[in-house]
Amino acid sequence: MKHMASEAGGPSFLARFLLVLLGVAFFGAAYVWARKDSDPRAARLVERISGKAPQGAASP
């Protein structure tokens, strides 16, 4: 049993790298979403990605 646990070694480098990239993308999206009401650039980005009509800071 001990031998099997030492062979596992956890996730591969590629799996860890992909998880880090997903985490960075998630926190980046959350940051932009939180700033969409005060930052016109963030509002335009959220509008462009979601396909909805402009609201808040992006409205003229």
Protein backbone atom coordinates (compact mmCIF):
# COMPACT_ATOMS: atom_id res chain seq x y z
CA MET A 1 0.00 0.00 0.00
CA LYS A 2 2.82 2.39 0.85
CA HIS A 3 4.49 1.72 -2.50
CA MET A 4 1.38 2.77 -4.47
CA ALA A 5 1.09 6.05 -2.61
CA SER A 6 4.69 7.01 -3.36
CA GLU A 7 4.24 6.29 -7.07
CA ALA A 8 1.21 8.58 -7.40
CA GLY A 9 3.18 11.78 -6.77
CA GLY A 10 0.19 14.06 -7.33
CA PRO A 11 -0.96 15.72 -10.55
CA SER A 12 1.40 16.20 -13.48
CA PHE A 13 3.06 19.48 -14.31
CA LEU A 14 0.66 20.06 -17.20
CA ALA A 15 -2.39 19.49 -14.98
CA ARG A 16 -1.07 21.93 -12.37
CA PHE A 17 -0.24 24.48 -15.05
CA LEU A 18 -3.75 24.26 -16.51
CA LEU A 19 -5.31 24.67 -13.06
CA VAL A 20 -3.20 27.78 -12.44
CA LEU A 21 -4.24 29.23 -15.81
CA LEU A 22 -7.90 28.55 -15.06
CA GLY A 23 -7.55 30.22 -11.67
CA VAL A 24 -5.90 33.32 -13.15
CA ALA A 25 -8.59 33.53 -15.84
CA PHE A 26 -11.35 33.17 -13.24
CA PHE A 27 -9.95 35.88 -10.97
CA GLY A 28 -9.33 38.16 -13.95
CA ALA A 29 -12.93 37.75 -15.08
CA ALA A 30 -14.20 38.38 -11.54
CA TYR A 31 -12.08 41.55 -11.32
CA VAL A 32 -13.41 42.90 -14.64
CA TRP A 33 -16.98 41.99 -13.68
CA ALA A 34 -16.64 43.84 -10.36
CA ARG A 35 -15.31 46.97 -12.13
CA LYS A 36 -17.90 47.03 -14.93
CA ASP A 37 -20.02 49.72 -13.26
CA SER A 38 -17.16 52.15 -12.67
CA ASP A 39 -14.73 51.52 -15.54
CA PRO A 40 -15.94 52.13 -19.12
CA ARG A 41 -13.31 49.79 -20.58
CA ALA A 42 -14.38 46.96 -18.30
CA ALA A 43 -18.04 47.65 -19.11
CA ARG A 44 -17.34 47.47 -22.84
CA LEU A 45 -15.43 44.21 -22.42
CA VAL A 46 -18.24 42.62 -20.40
CA GLU A 47 -20.77 43.92 -22.93
CA ARG A 48 -18.81 42.54 -25.88
CA ILE A 49 -18.37 39.11 -24.31
CA SER A 50 -21.92 38.75 -22.98
CA GLY A 51 -23.59 40.21 -26.08
CA LYS A 52 -25.92 42.40 -24.04
CA ALA A 53 -26.79 46.08 -24.57
CA PRO A 54 -24.48 48.57 -22.84
CA GLN A 55 -25.39 49.65 -19.32
CA GLY A 56 -23.70 51.60 -16.57
CA ALA A 57 -20.35 53.24 -17.34
CA ALA A 58 -20.33 52.15 -21.00
CA SER A 59 -23.58 53.98 -21.78
CA PRO A 60 -23.13 57.37 -23.47
